[in-house]
Amino acid sequence: MHRTTTTKIILQLIFTFEDYVADKSSMVDLKDCLEDREFGTERSRNIFNTIRTKTIKAERQRRDDLLVQRYFEEACAKALFNFGRPSAPYDPDAQFWIIPLAFQLAQKLNLSEDLIVNLITQY
C-alpha cells in the first residue's frame, strides 16, 4: 500500500475510533503526528514508546478491553515511524497489521465492520 493512501486510511480510522475508546490520548498523538507529517522523527518514535508502555500496563492488568486498542495504536505508530525510512525501522510489516487490527477494534467497540470496509474501500 502506498504511504499516502495508508496515512489517509490511518487518519480516517483514528477519527472513527477516537470517540469510542476509553483513552483518547494516544489516538490524539497519532492524529497530530499524521497531520504534521512527522514520519521517522523522534516524535513518532516517542509516540510508539508511550503506547508500548500503555500496552505493557494493560497486559499486566489483563485489560483485554484496552489491548486491542493498544495493538492497533502500536501498528499505526510503527508504520508512521517507518514511513520516514529511518536507518533502524520497526517491523517492516507493521502497516499491514493496521486493517486487521482495525476490524478487531471495531468489533471490541461494537462498531459495524461495514463502517471499516466502507472507510478503507474509498481509497
PDB file of N, CA and C in Angstrom:
ATOM      1  N   MET A   1       0.845  -1.177   0.000  1.00  0.00           N
ATOM      2  CA  MET A   1       0.000   0.000   0.000  1.00  0.00           C
ATOM      3  C   MET A   1       0.891   1.242   0.000  1.00  0.00           C
ATOM      4  N   HIS A   2       0.548   2.222  -0.748  1.00  0.00           N
ATOM      5  CA  HIS A   2       1.299   3.459  -0.865  1.00  0.00           C
ATOM      6  C   HIS A   2       1.211   4.255   0.433  1.00  0.00           C
ATOM      7  N   ARG A   3       2.289   4.943   0.795  1.00  0.00           N
ATOM      8  CA  ARG A   3       2.337   5.696   2.052  1.00  0.00           C
ATOM      9  C   ARG A   3       1.199   6.707   2.161  1.00  0.00           C
ATOM     10  N   THR A   4       0.933   7.451   1.105  1.00  0.00           N
ATOM     11  CA  THR A   4      -0.119   8.468   1.162  1.00  0.00           C
ATOM     12  C   THR A   4      -1.483   7.835   1.416  1.00  0.00           C
ATOM     13  N   THR A   5      -1.757   6.747   0.737  1.00  0.00           N
ATOM     14  CA  THR A   5      -3.030   6.048   0.933  1.00  0.00           C
ATOM     15  C   THR A   5      -3.124   5.517   2.351  1.00  0.00           C
ATOM     16  N   THR A   6      -2.059   4.899   2.812  1.00  0.00           N
ATOM     17  CA  THR A   6      -2.055   4.329   4.157  1.00  0.00           C
ATOM     18  C   THR A   6      -2.243   5.411   5.213  1.00  0.00           C
ATOM     19  N   THR A   7      -1.582   6.540   5.064  1.00  0.00           N
ATOM     20  CA  THR A   7      -1.731   7.595   6.071  1.00  0.00           C
ATOM     21  C   THR A   7      -3.156   8.157   6.074  1.00  0.00           C
ATOM     22  N   LYS A   8      -3.775   8.234   4.910  1.00  0.00           N
ATOM     23  CA  LYS A   8      -5.173   8.697   4.856  1.00  0.00           C
ATOM     24  C   LYS A   8      -6.093   7.707   5.557  1.00  0.00           C
ATOM     25  N   ILE A   9      -5.857   6.428   5.324  1.00  0.00           N
ATOM     26  CA  ILE A   9      -6.681   5.393   5.969  1.00  0.00           C
ATOM     27  C   ILE A   9      -6.480   5.431   7.479  1.00  0.00           C
ATOM     28  N   ILE A  10      -5.230   5.511   7.915  1.00  0.00           N
ATOM     29  CA  ILE A  10      -4.959   5.576   9.358  1.00  0.00           C
ATOM     30  C   ILE A  10      -5.675   6.772   9.979  1.00  0.00           C
ATOM     31  N   LEU A  11      -5.569   7.907   9.343  1.00  0.00           N
ATOM     32  CA  LEU A  11      -6.201   9.112   9.867  1.00  0.00           C
ATOM     33  C   LEU A  11      -7.715   8.933   9.977  1.00  0.00           C
ATOM     34  N   GLN A  12      -8.333   8.377   8.953  1.00  0.00           N
ATOM     35  CA  GLN A  12      -9.782   8.161   8.992  1.00  0.00           C
ATOM     36  C   GLN A  12     -10.173   7.140  10.059  1.00  0.00           C
ATOM     37  N   LEU A  13      -9.365   6.108  10.233  1.00  0.00           N
ATOM     38  CA  LEU A  13      -9.638   5.132  11.289  1.00  0.00           C
ATOM     39  C   LEU A  13      -9.557   5.780  12.661  1.00  0.00           C
ATOM     40  N   ILE A  14      -8.556   6.606  12.850  1.00  0.00           N
ATOM     41  CA  ILE A  14      -8.418   7.297  14.139  1.00  0.00           C
ATOM     42  C   ILE A  14      -9.609   8.216  14.378  1.00  0.00           C
ATOM     43  N   PHE A  15      -9.996   8.986  13.376  1.00  0.00           N
ATOM     44  CA  PHE A  15     -11.185   9.841  13.516  1.00  0.00           C
ATOM     45  C   PHE A  15     -12.409   9.001  13.889  1.00  0.00           C
ATOM     46  N   THR A  16     -12.518   7.819  13.308  1.00  0.00           N
ATOM     47  CA  THR A  16     -13.654   6.934  13.578  1.00  0.00           C
ATOM     48  C   THR A  16     -13.613   6.394  15.002  1.00  0.00           C
ATOM     49  N   PHE A  17     -12.453   5.951  15.450  1.00  0.00           N
ATOM     50  CA  PHE A  17     -12.345   5.286  16.745  1.00  0.00           C
ATOM     51  C   PHE A  17     -12.247   6.217  17.943  1.00  0.00           C
ATOM     52  N   GLU A  18     -11.697   7.406  17.763  1.00  0.00           N
ATOM     53  CA  GLU A  18     -11.367   8.219  18.936  1.00  0.00           C
ATOM     54  C   GLU A  18     -12.560   8.592  19.800  1.00  0.00           C
ATOM     55  N   ASP A  19     -13.740   8.647  19.250  1.00  0.00           N
ATOM     56  CA  ASP A  19     -14.923   8.970  20.059  1.00  0.00           C
ATOM     57  C   ASP A  19     -15.423   7.776  20.871  1.00  0.00           C
ATOM     58  N   TYR A  20     -14.902   6.595  20.597  1.00  0.00           N
ATOM     59  CA  TYR A  20     -15.399   5.379  21.248  1.00  0.00           C
ATOM     60  C   TYR A  20     -14.413   4.733  22.219  1.00  0.00           C
ATOM     61  N   VAL A  21     -13.154   5.100  22.148  1.00  0.00           N
ATOM     62  CA  VAL A  21     -12.149   4.465  23.002  1.00  0.00           C
ATOM     63  C   VAL A  21     -12.110   5.106  24.381  1.00  0.00           C
ATOM     64  N   ALA A  22     -11.678   4.309  25.356  1.00  0.00           N
ATOM     65  CA  ALA A  22     -11.627   4.784  26.739  1.00  0.00           C
ATOM     66  C   ALA A  22     -10.535   5.831  26.942  1.00  0.00           C
ATOM     67  N   ASP A  23      -9.396   5.640  26.314  1.00  0.00           N
ATOM     68  CA  ASP A  23      -8.272   6.564  26.442  1.00  0.00           C
ATOM     69  C   ASP A  23      -7.955   7.129  25.064  1.00  0.00           C
ATOM     70  N   LYS A  24      -8.248   8.388  24.872  1.00  0.00           N
ATOM     71  CA  LYS A  24      -8.070   9.038  23.571  1.00  0.00           C
ATOM     72  C   LYS A  24      -6.663   9.600  23.350  1.00  0.00           C
ATOM     73  N   SER A  25      -5.859   9.684  24.381  1.00  0.00           N
ATOM     74  CA  SER A  25      -4.599  10.425  24.306  1.00  0.00           C
ATOM     75  C   SER A  25      -3.660   9.914  23.208  1.00  0.00           C
ATOM     76  N   SER A  26      -3.522   8.611  23.075  1.00  0.00           N
ATOM     77  CA  SER A  26      -2.626   8.082  22.035  1.00  0.00           C
ATOM     78  C   SER A  26      -3.194   8.318  20.646  1.00  0.00           C
ATOM     79  N   MET A  27      -4.502   8.218  20.528  1.00  0.00           N
ATOM     80  CA  MET A  27      -5.148   8.490  19.233  1.00  0.00           C
ATOM     81  C   MET A  27      -4.905   9.948  18.826  1.00  0.00           C
ATOM     82  N   VAL A  28      -5.008  10.845  19.779  1.00  0.00           N
ATOM     83  CA  VAL A  28      -4.774  12.266  19.505  1.00  0.00           C
ATOM     84  C   VAL A  28      -3.320  12.486  19.093  1.00  0.00           C
ATOM     85  N   ASP A  29      -2.386  11.848  19.808  1.00  0.00           N
ATOM     86  CA  ASP A  29      -0.967  11.979  19.450  1.00  0.00           C
ATOM     87  C   ASP A  29      -0.691  11.458  18.040  1.00  0.00           C
ATOM     88  N   LEU A  30      -1.257  10.306  17.714  1.00  0.00           N
ATOM     89  CA  LEU A  30      -1.077   9.748  16.370  1.00  0.00           C
ATOM     90  C   LEU A  30      -1.665  10.675  15.308  1.00  0.00           C
ATOM     91  N   LYS A  31      -2.856  11.173  15.583  1.00  0.00           N
ATOM     92  CA  LYS A  31      -3.526  12.069  14.627  1.00  0.00           C
ATOM     93  C   LYS A  31      -2.687  13.332  14.399  1.00  0.00           C
ATOM     94  N   ASP A  32      -2.182  13.919  15.479  1.00  0.00           N
ATOM     95  CA  ASP A  32      -1.364  15.126  15.359  1.00  0.00           C
ATOM     96  C   ASP A  32      -0.087  14.847  14.566  1.00  0.00           C
ATOM     97  N   CYS A  33       0.537  13.706  14.829  1.00  0.00           N
ATOM     98  CA  CYS A  33       1.761  13.342  14.111  1.00  0.00           C
ATOM     99  C   CYS A  33       1.474  13.152  12.620  1.00  0.00           C
ATOM    100  N   LEU A  34       0.355  12.515  12.320  1.00  0.00           N
ATOM    101  CA  LEU A  34      -0.045  12.326  10.920  1.00  0.00           C
ATOM    102  C   LEU A  34      -0.309  13.657  10.229  1.00  0.00           C
ATOM    103  N   GLU A  35      -1.064  14.506  10.895  1.00  0.00           N
ATOM    104  CA  GLU A  35      -1.414  15.792  10.293  1.00  0.00           C
ATOM    105  C   GLU A  35      -0.189  16.673  10.086  1.00  0.00           C
ATOM    106  N   ASP A  36       0.813  16.532  10.975  1.00  0.00           N
ATOM    107  CA  ASP A  36       2.049  17.302  10.845  1.00  0.00           C
ATOM    108  C   ASP A  36       3.063  16.612   9.931  1.00  0.00           C
ATOM    109  N   ARG A  37       2.713  15.408   9.464  1.00  0.00           N
ATOM    110  CA  ARG A  37       3.553  14.618   8.564  1.00  0.00           C
ATOM    111  C   ARG A  37       4.946  14.385   9.148  1.00  0.00           C
ATOM    112  N   GLU A  38       4.983  14.050  10.430  1.00  0.00           N
ATOM    113  CA  GLU A  38       6.252  13.807  11.121  1.00  0.00           C
ATOM    114  C   GLU A  38       6.577  12.319  11.101  1.00  0.00           C
ATOM    115  N   PHE A  39       6.983  11.844   9.945  1.00  0.00           N
ATOM    116  CA  PHE A  39       7.318  10.443   9.771  1.00  0.00           C
ATOM    117  C   PHE A  39       8.802  10.228  10.055  1.00  0.00           C
ATOM    118  N   GLY A  40       9.118   9.182  10.792  1.00  0.00           N
ATOM    119  CA  GLY A  40      10.511   8.849  11.064  1.00  0.00           C
ATOM    120  C   GLY A  40      11.209   9.795  12.011  1.00  0.00           C
ATOM    121  N   THR A  41      10.448  10.589  12.734  1.00  0.00           N
ATOM    122  CA  THR A  41      11.040  11.569  13.638  1.00  0.00           C
ATOM    123  C   THR A  41      11.118  11.031  15.065  1.00  0.00           C
ATOM    124  N   GLU A  42      11.836  11.743  15.897  1.00  0.00           N
ATOM    125  CA  GLU A  42      11.899  11.394  17.316  1.00  0.00           C
ATOM    126  C   GLU A  42      10.507  11.428  17.930  1.00  0.00           C
ATOM    127  N   ARG A  43       9.698  12.370  17.491  1.00  0.00           N
ATOM    128  CA  ARG A  43       8.322  12.464  17.988  1.00  0.00           C
ATOM    129  C   ARG A  43       7.539  11.184  17.680  1.00  0.00           C
ATOM    130  N   SER A  44       7.651  10.690  16.449  1.00  0.00           N
ATOM    131  CA  SER A  44       6.911   9.480  16.099  1.00  0.00           C
ATOM    132  C   SER A  44       7.435   8.271  16.873  1.00  0.00           C
ATOM    133  N   ARG A  45       8.728   8.226  17.140  1.00  0.00           N
ATOM    134  CA  ARG A  45       9.287   7.142  17.957  1.00  0.00           C
ATOM    135  C   ARG A  45       8.786   7.249  19.396  1.00  0.00           C
ATOM    136  N   ASN A  46       8.750   8.461  19.926  1.00  0.00           N
ATOM    137  CA  ASN A  46       8.273   8.663  21.304  1.00  0.00           C
ATOM    138  C   ASN A  46       6.805   8.264  21.461  1.00  0.00           C
ATOM    139  N   ILE A  47       6.013   8.524  20.439  1.00  0.00           N
ATOM    140  CA  ILE A  47       4.601   8.128  20.489  1.00  0.00           C
ATOM    141  C   ILE A  47       4.508   6.610  20.607  1.00  0.00           C
ATOM    142  N   PHE A  48       5.302   5.897  19.800  1.00  0.00           N
ATOM    143  CA  PHE A  48       5.293   4.442  19.909  1.00  0.00           C
ATOM    144  C   PHE A  48       5.713   4.003  21.313  1.00  0.00           C
ATOM    145  N   ASN A  49       6.781   4.587  21.839  1.00  0.00           N
ATOM    146  CA  ASN A  49       7.265   4.197  23.164  1.00  0.00           C
ATOM    147  C   ASN A  49       6.200   4.410  24.237  1.00  0.00           C
ATOM    148  N   THR A  50       5.483   5.507  24.146  1.00  0.00           N
ATOM    149  CA  THR A  50       4.404   5.785  25.099  1.00  0.00           C
ATOM    150  C   THR A  50       3.290   4.742  24.974  1.00  0.00           C
ATOM    151  N   ILE A  51       2.914   4.439  23.746  1.00  0.00           N
ATOM    152  CA  ILE A  51       1.863   3.431  23.521  1.00  0.00           C
ATOM    153  C   ILE A  51       2.331   2.069  24.020  1.00  0.00           C
ATOM    154  N   ARG A  52       3.588   1.727  23.760  1.00  0.00           N
ATOM    155  CA  ARG A  52       4.106   0.428  24.198  1.00  0.00           C
ATOM    156  C   ARG A  52       4.049   0.306  25.717  1.00  0.00           C
ATOM    157  N   THR A  53       4.376   1.371  26.422  1.00  0.00           N
ATOM    158  CA  THR A  53       4.282   1.366  27.885  1.00  0.00           C
ATOM    159  C   THR A  53       2.844   1.110  28.325  1.00  0.00           C
ATOM    160  N   LYS A  54       1.891   1.744  27.635  1.00  0.00           N
ATOM    161  CA  LYS A  54       0.473   1.530  27.946  1.00  0.00           C
ATOM    162  C   LYS A  54       0.052   0.091  27.636  1.00  0.00           C
ATOM    163  N   THR A  55       0.598  -0.476  26.569  1.00  0.00           N
ATOM    164  CA  THR A  55       0.280  -1.858  26.205  1.00  0.00           C
ATOM    165  C   THR A  55       0.760  -2.816  27.293  1.00  0.00           C
ATOM    166  N   ILE A  56       1.981  -2.627  27.728  1.00  0.00           N
ATOM    167  CA  ILE A  56       2.542  -3.490  28.768  1.00  0.00           C
ATOM    168  C   ILE A  56       1.714  -3.387  30.051  1.00  0.00           C
ATOM    169  N   LYS A  57       1.310  -2.181  30.394  1.00  0.00           N
ATOM    170  CA  LYS A  57       0.471  -1.991  31.584  1.00  0.00           C
ATOM    171  C   LYS A  57      -0.866  -2.723  31.427  1.00  0.00           C
ATOM    172  N   ALA A  58      -1.475  -2.599  30.268  1.00  0.00           N
ATOM    173  CA  ALA A  58      -2.761  -3.280  30.017  1.00  0.00           C
ATOM    174  C   ALA A  58      -2.593  -4.796  30.055  1.00  0.00           C
ATOM    175  N   GLU A  59      -1.465  -5.295  29.533  1.00  0.00           N
ATOM    176  CA  GLU A  59      -1.199  -6.734  29.584  1.00  0.00           C
ATOM    177  C   GLU A  59      -1.053  -7.207  31.024  1.00  0.00           C
ATOM    178  N   ARG A  60      -0.310  -6.461  31.829  1.00  0.00           N
ATOM    179  CA  ARG A  60      -0.110  -6.829  33.239  1.00  0.00           C
ATOM    180  C   ARG A  60      -1.419  -6.813  34.022  1.00  0.00           C
ATOM    181  N   GLN A  61      -2.276  -5.857  33.683  1.00  0.00           N
ATOM    182  CA  GLN A  61      -3.562  -5.731  34.374  1.00  0.00           C
ATOM    183  C   GLN A  61      -4.636  -6.635  33.764  1.00  0.00           C
ATOM    184  N   ARG A  62      -4.256  -7.351  32.712  1.00  0.00           N
ATOM    185  CA  ARG A  62      -5.195  -8.214  31.989  1.00  0.00           C
ATOM    186  C   ARG A  62      -6.426  -7.437  31.534  1.00  0.00           C
ATOM    187  N   ARG A  63      -6.169  -6.256  30.976  1.00  0.00           N
ATOM    188  CA  ARG A  63      -7.227  -5.382  30.481  1.00  0.00           C
ATOM    189  C   ARG A  63      -7.462  -5.647  29.003  1.00  0.00           C
ATOM    190  N   ASP A  64      -8.142  -6.751  28.728  1.00  0.00           N
ATOM    191  CA  ASP A  64      -8.432  -7.125  27.344  1.00  0.00           C
ATOM    192  C   ASP A  64      -9.196  -6.034  26.607  1.00  0.00           C
ATOM    193  N   ASP A  65      -9.975  -5.250  27.342  1.00  0.00           N
ATOM    194  CA  ASP A  65     -10.742  -4.176  26.707  1.00  0.00           C
ATOM    195  C   ASP A  65      -9.827  -3.103  26.120  1.00  0.00           C
ATOM    196  N   LEU A  66      -8.618  -2.963  26.664  1.00  0.00           N
ATOM    197  CA  LEU A  66      -7.681  -1.958  26.155  1.00  0.00           C
ATOM    198  C   LEU A  66      -6.644  -2.528  25.184  1.00  0.00           C
ATOM    199  N   LEU A  67      -6.405  -3.813  25.265  1.00  0.00           N
ATOM    200  CA  LEU A  67      -5.308  -4.382  24.478  1.00  0.00           C
ATOM    201  C   LEU A  67      -5.494  -4.240  22.972  1.00  0.00           C
ATOM    202  N   VAL A  68      -6.666  -4.474  22.470  1.00  0.00           N
ATOM    203  CA  VAL A  68      -6.876  -4.350  21.024  1.00  0.00           C
ATOM    204  C   VAL A  68      -6.612  -2.913  20.581  1.00  0.00           C
ATOM    205  N   GLN A  69      -7.077  -1.964  21.374  1.00  0.00           N
ATOM    206  CA  GLN A  69      -6.807  -0.556  21.061  1.00  0.00           C
ATOM    207  C   GLN A  69      -5.307  -0.298  21.027  1.00  0.00           C
ATOM    208  N   ARG A  70      -4.595  -0.789  22.028  1.00  0.00           N
ATOM    209  CA  ARG A  70      -3.149  -0.556  22.099  1.00  0.00           C
ATOM    210  C   ARG A  70      -2.413  -1.223  20.934  1.00  0.00           C
ATOM    211  N   TYR A  71      -2.817  -2.429  20.572  1.00  0.00           N
ATOM    212  CA  TYR A  71      -2.165  -3.106  19.445  1.00  0.00           C
ATOM    213  C   TYR A  71      -2.393  -2.329  18.142  1.00  0.00           C
ATOM    214  N   PHE A  72      -3.601  -1.829  17.960  1.00  0.00           N
ATOM    215  CA  PHE A  72      -3.900  -1.007  16.779  1.00  0.00           C
ATOM    216  C   PHE A  72      -3.021   0.246  16.787  1.00  0.00           C
ATOM    217  N   GLU A  73      -2.961   0.919  17.928  1.00  0.00           N
ATOM    218  CA  GLU A  73      -2.154   2.143  18.028  1.00  0.00           C
ATOM    219  C   GLU A  73      -0.672   1.853  17.789  1.00  0.00           C
ATOM    220  N   GLU A  74      -0.182   0.740  18.316  1.00  0.00           N
ATOM    221  CA  GLU A  74       1.224   0.377  18.099  1.00  0.00           C
ATOM    222  C   GLU A  74       1.519   0.179  16.616  1.00  0.00           C
ATOM    223  N   ALA A  75       0.649  -0.538  15.927  1.00  0.00           N
ATOM    224  CA  ALA A  75       0.858  -0.769  14.488  1.00  0.00           C
ATOM    225  C   ALA A  75       0.875   0.560  13.735  1.00  0.00           C
ATOM    226  N   CYS A  76      -0.031   1.451  14.095  1.00  0.00           N
ATOM    227  CA  CYS A  76      -0.057   2.774  13.447  1.00  0.00           C
ATOM    228  C   CYS A  76       1.223   3.540  13.724  1.00  0.00           C
ATOM    229  N   ALA A  77       1.661   3.548  14.976  1.00  0.00           N
ATOM    230  CA  ALA A  77       2.873   4.286  15.348  1.00  0.00           C
ATOM    231  C   ALA A  77       4.111   3.721  14.646  1.00  0.00           C
ATOM    232  N   LYS A  78       4.206   2.395  14.585  1.00  0.00           N
ATOM    233  CA  LYS A  78       5.339   1.782  13.887  1.00  0.00           C
ATOM    234  C   LYS A  78       5.335   2.173  12.413  1.00  0.00           C
ATOM    235  N   ALA A  79       4.171   2.112  11.797  1.00  0.00           N
ATOM    236  CA  ALA A  79       4.074   2.463  10.373  1.00  0.00           C
ATOM    237  C   ALA A  79       4.467   3.918  10.151  1.00  0.00           C
ATOM    238  N   LEU A  80       3.983   4.811  11.006  1.00  0.00           N
ATOM    239  CA  LEU A  80       4.318   6.231  10.860  1.00  0.00           C
ATOM    240  C   LEU A  80       5.824   6.446  10.949  1.00  0.00           C
ATOM    241  N   PHE A  81       6.434   5.808  11.916  1.00  0.00           N
ATOM    242  CA  PHE A  81       7.878   5.943  12.055  1.00  0.00           C
ATOM    243  C   PHE A  81       8.580   5.395  10.816  1.00  0.00           C
ATOM    244  N   ASN A  82       8.178   4.207  10.376  1.00  0.00           N
ATOM    245  CA  ASN A  82       8.822   3.575   9.215  1.00  0.00           C
ATOM    246  C   ASN A  82       8.649   4.366   7.927  1.00  0.00           C
ATOM    247  N   PHE A  83       7.555   5.117   7.807  1.00  0.00           N
ATOM    248  CA  PHE A  83       7.335   5.906   6.599  1.00  0.00           C
ATOM    249  C   PHE A  83       8.421   6.960   6.399  1.00  0.00           C
ATOM    250  N   GLY A  84       9.128   7.298   7.457  1.00  0.00           N
ATOM    251  CA  GLY A  84      10.240   8.244   7.341  1.00  0.00           C
ATOM    252  C   GLY A  84      11.532   7.590   6.885  1.00  0.00           C
ATOM    253  N   ARG A  85      11.471   6.288   6.606  1.00  0.00           N
ATOM    254  CA  ARG A  85      12.625   5.500   6.155  1.00  0.00           C
ATOM    255  C   ARG A  85      13.840   5.658   7.084  1.00  0.00           C
ATOM    256  N   PRO A  86      13.641   5.390   8.359  1.00  0.00           N
ATOM    257  CA  PRO A  86      14.757   5.504   9.299  1.00  0.00           C
ATOM    258  C   PRO A  86      15.779   4.387   9.085  1.00  0.00           C
ATOM    259  N   SER A  87      16.970   4.569   9.612  1.00  0.00           N
ATOM    260  CA  SER A  87      18.010   3.547   9.460  1.00  0.00           C
ATOM    261  C   SER A  87      17.709   2.310  10.311  1.00  0.00           C
ATOM    262  N   ALA A  88      16.936   2.468  11.372  1.00  0.00           N
ATOM    263  CA  ALA A  88      16.560   1.339  12.230  1.00  0.00           C
ATOM    264  C   ALA A  88      15.035   1.302  12.359  1.00  0.00           C
ATOM    265  N   PRO A  89      14.340   0.799  11.325  1.00  0.00           N
ATOM    266  CA  PRO A  89      12.877   0.803  11.356  1.00  0.00           C
ATOM    267  C   PRO A  89      12.311  -0.263  12.290  1.00  0.00           C
ATOM    268  N   TYR A  90      11.043  -0.095  12.601  1.00  0.00           N
ATOM    269  CA  TYR A  90      10.309  -1.128  13.327  1.00  0.00           C
ATOM    270  C   TYR A  90       9.977  -2.249  12.347  1.00  0.00           C
ATOM    271  N   ASP A  91       9.221  -3.220  12.819  1.00  0.00           N
ATOM    272  CA  ASP A  91       8.817  -4.345  11.976  1.00  0.00           C
ATOM    273  C   ASP A  91       8.346  -3.841  10.611  1.00  0.00           C
ATOM    274  N   PRO A  92       8.923  -4.358   9.528  1.00  0.00           N
ATOM    275  CA  PRO A  92       8.562  -3.856   8.194  1.00  0.00           C
ATOM    276  C   PRO A  92       7.120  -4.163   7.791  1.00  0.00           C
ATOM    277  N   ASP A  93       6.484  -5.114   8.469  1.00  0.00           N
ATOM    278  CA  ASP A  93       5.100  -5.450   8.123  1.00  0.00           C
ATOM    279  C   ASP A  93       4.074  -4.709   8.979  1.00  0.00           C
ATOM    280  N   ALA A  94       4.514  -3.756   9.783  1.00  0.00           N
ATOM    281  CA  ALA A  94       3.617  -3.058  10.716  1.00  0.00           C
ATOM    282  C   ALA A  94       2.396  -2.467  10.017  1.00  0.00           C
ATOM    283  N   GLN A  95       2.590  -1.847   8.868  1.00  0.00           N
ATOM    284  CA  GLN A  95       1.466  -1.200   8.190  1.00  0.00           C
ATOM    285  C   GLN A  95       0.408  -2.204   7.750  1.00  0.00           C
ATOM    286  N   PHE A  96       0.803  -3.458   7.559  1.00  0.00           N
ATOM    287  CA  PHE A  96      -0.144  -4.471   7.103  1.00  0.00           C
ATOM    288  C   PHE A  96      -0.998  -5.041   8.234  1.00  0.00           C
ATOM    289  N   TRP A  97      -0.682  -4.691   9.452  1.00  0.00           N
ATOM    290  CA  TRP A  97      -1.478  -5.111  10.607  1.00  0.00           C
ATOM    291  C   TRP A  97      -2.561  -4.108  10.949  1.00  0.00           C
ATOM    292  N   ILE A  98      -2.495  -2.930  10.391  1.00  0.00           N
ATOM    293  CA  ILE A  98      -3.432  -1.865  10.762  1.00  0.00           C
ATOM    294  C   ILE A  98      -4.881  -2.248  10.443  1.00  0.00           C
ATOM    295  N   ILE A  99      -5.147  -2.727   9.241  1.00  0.00           N
ATOM    296  CA  ILE A  99      -6.522  -3.058   8.842  1.00  0.00           C
ATOM    297  C   ILE A  99      -7.082  -4.227   9.665  1.00  0.00           C
ATOM    298  N   PRO A 100      -6.352  -5.350   9.792  1.00  0.00           N
ATOM    299  CA  PRO A 100      -6.903  -6.425  10.625  1.00  0.00           C
ATOM    300  C   PRO A 100      -7.172  -5.981  12.069  1.00  0.00           C
ATOM    301  N   LEU A 101      -6.269  -5.185  12.617  1.00  0.00           N
ATOM    302  CA  LEU A 101      -6.470  -4.695  13.985  1.00  0.00           C
ATOM    303  C   LEU A 101      -7.619  -3.693  14.059  1.00  0.00           C
ATOM    304  N   ALA A 102      -7.839  -2.949  12.986  1.00  0.00           N
ATOM    305  CA  ALA A 102      -8.984  -2.028  12.946  1.00  0.00           C
ATOM    306  C   ALA A 102     -10.297  -2.805  13.017  1.00  0.00           C
ATOM    307  N   PHE A 103     -10.355  -3.925  12.319  1.00  0.00           N
ATOM    308  CA  PHE A 103     -11.558  -4.764  12.397  1.00  0.00           C
ATOM    309  C   PHE A 103     -11.754  -5.320  13.808  1.00  0.00           C
ATOM    310  N   GLN A 104     -10.661  -5.738  14.431  1.00  0.00           N
ATOM    311  CA  GLN A 104     -10.758  -6.246  15.805  1.00  0.00           C
ATOM    312  C   GLN A 104     -11.202  -5.156  16.768  1.00  0.00           C
ATOM    313  N   LEU A 105     -10.659  -3.957  16.591  1.00  0.00           N
ATOM    314  CA  LEU A 105     -11.036  -2.849  17.461  1.00  0.00           C
ATOM    315  C   LEU A 105     -12.495  -2.461  17.241  1.00  0.00           C
ATOM    316  N   ALA A 106     -12.928  -2.432  15.999  1.00  0.00           N
ATOM    317  CA  ALA A 106     -14.339  -2.132  15.707  1.00  0.00           C
ATOM    318  C   ALA A 106     -15.244  -3.138  16.403  1.00  0.00           C
ATOM    319  N   GLN A 107     -14.873  -4.389  16.333  1.00  0.00           N
ATOM    320  CA  GLN A 107     -15.667  -5.432  16.992  1.00  0.00           C
ATOM    321  C   GLN A 107     -15.702  -5.210  18.502  1.00  0.00           C
ATOM    322  N   LYS A 108     -14.545  -4.903  19.088  1.00  0.00           N
ATOM    323  CA  LYS A 108     -14.455  -4.672  20.532  1.00  0.00           C
ATOM    324  C   LYS A 108     -15.303  -3.467  20.952  1.00  0.00           C
ATOM    325  N   LEU A 109     -15.398  -2.478  20.058  1.00  0.00           N
ATOM    326  CA  LEU A 109     -16.165  -1.255  20.353  1.00  0.00           C
ATOM    327  C   LEU A 109     -17.620  -1.353  19.915  1.00  0.00           C
ATOM    328  N   ASN A 110     -18.014  -2.535  19.432  1.00  0.00           N
ATOM    329  CA  ASN A 110     -19.372  -2.767  18.937  1.00  0.00           C
ATOM    330  C   ASN A 110     -19.742  -1.862  17.767  1.00  0.00           C
ATOM    331  N   LEU A 111     -18.763  -1.613  16.908  1.00  0.00           N
ATOM    332  CA  LEU A 111     -18.997  -0.834  15.690  1.00  0.00           C
ATOM    333  C   LEU A 111     -19.140  -1.801  14.526  1.00  0.00           C
ATOM    334  N   SER A 112     -19.906  -1.425  13.557  1.00  0.00           N
ATOM    335  CA  SER A 112     -20.144  -2.269  12.395  1.00  0.00           C
ATOM    336  C   SER A 112     -18.867  -2.458  11.578  1.00  0.00           C
ATOM    337  N   GLU A 113     -18.616  -3.684  11.162  1.00  0.00           N
ATOM    338  CA  GLU A 113     -17.483  -3.930  10.275  1.00  0.00           C
ATOM    339  C   GLU A 113     -17.675  -3.225   8.938  1.00  0.00           C
ATOM    340  N   ASP A 114     -18.920  -3.017   8.552  1.00  0.00           N
ATOM    341  CA  ASP A 114     -19.201  -2.292   7.309  1.00  0.00           C
ATOM    342  C   ASP A 114     -18.629  -0.882   7.351  1.00  0.00           C
ATOM    343  N   LEU A 115     -18.605  -0.295   8.526  1.00  0.00           N
ATOM    344  CA  LEU A 115     -18.027   1.039   8.692  1.00  0.00           C
ATOM    345  C   LEU A 115     -16.558   1.025   8.268  1.00  0.00           C
ATOM    346  N   ILE A 116     -15.838   0.003   8.698  1.00  0.00           N
ATOM    347  CA  ILE A 116     -14.415  -0.106   8.355  1.00  0.00           C
ATOM    348  C   ILE A 116     -14.251  -0.431   6.874  1.00  0.00           C
ATOM    349  N   VAL A 117     -15.057  -1.351   6.363  1.00  0.00           N
ATOM    350  CA  VAL A 117     -14.988  -1.704   4.943  1.00  0.00           C
ATOM    351  C   VAL A 117     -15.236  -0.469   4.080  1.00  0.00           C
ATOM    352  N   ASN A 118     -16.259   0.280   4.388  1.00  0.00           N
ATOM    353  CA  ASN A 118     -16.575   1.489   3.620  1.00  0.00           C
ATOM    354  C   ASN A 118     -15.457   2.511   3.695  1.00  0.00           C
ATOM    355  N   LEU A 119     -14.864   2.633   4.843  1.00  0.00           N
ATOM    356  CA  LEU A 119     -13.788   3.607   5.019  1.00  0.00           C
ATOM    357  C   LEU A 119     -12.565   3.244   4.180  1.00  0.00           C
ATOM    358  N   ILE A 120     -12.154   1.984   4.219  1.00  0.00           N
ATOM    359  CA  ILE A 120     -10.929   1.612   3.510  1.00  0.00           C
ATOM    360  C   ILE A 120     -11.134   1.445   2.002  1.00  0.00           C
ATOM    361  N   THR A 121     -12.348   1.152   1.589  1.00  0.00           N
ATOM    362  CA  THR A 121     -12.561   0.979   0.146  1.00  0.00           C
ATOM    363  C   THR A 121     -12.739   2.303  -0.588  1.00  0.00           C
ATOM    364  N   GLN A 122     -12.853   3.386   0.132  1.00  0.00           N
ATOM    365  CA  GLN A 122     -12.951   4.686  -0.557  1.00  0.00           C
ATOM    366  C   GLN A 122     -11.606   5.166  -1.085  1.00  0.00           C
ATOM    367  N   TYR A 123     -10.540   4.468  -0.719  1.00  0.00           N
ATOM    368  CA  TYR A 123      -9.209   4.846  -1.184  1.00  0.00           C
ATOM    369  C   TYR A 123      -8.765   3.876  -2.218  1.00  0.00           C
TER     370      TYR A 123
END
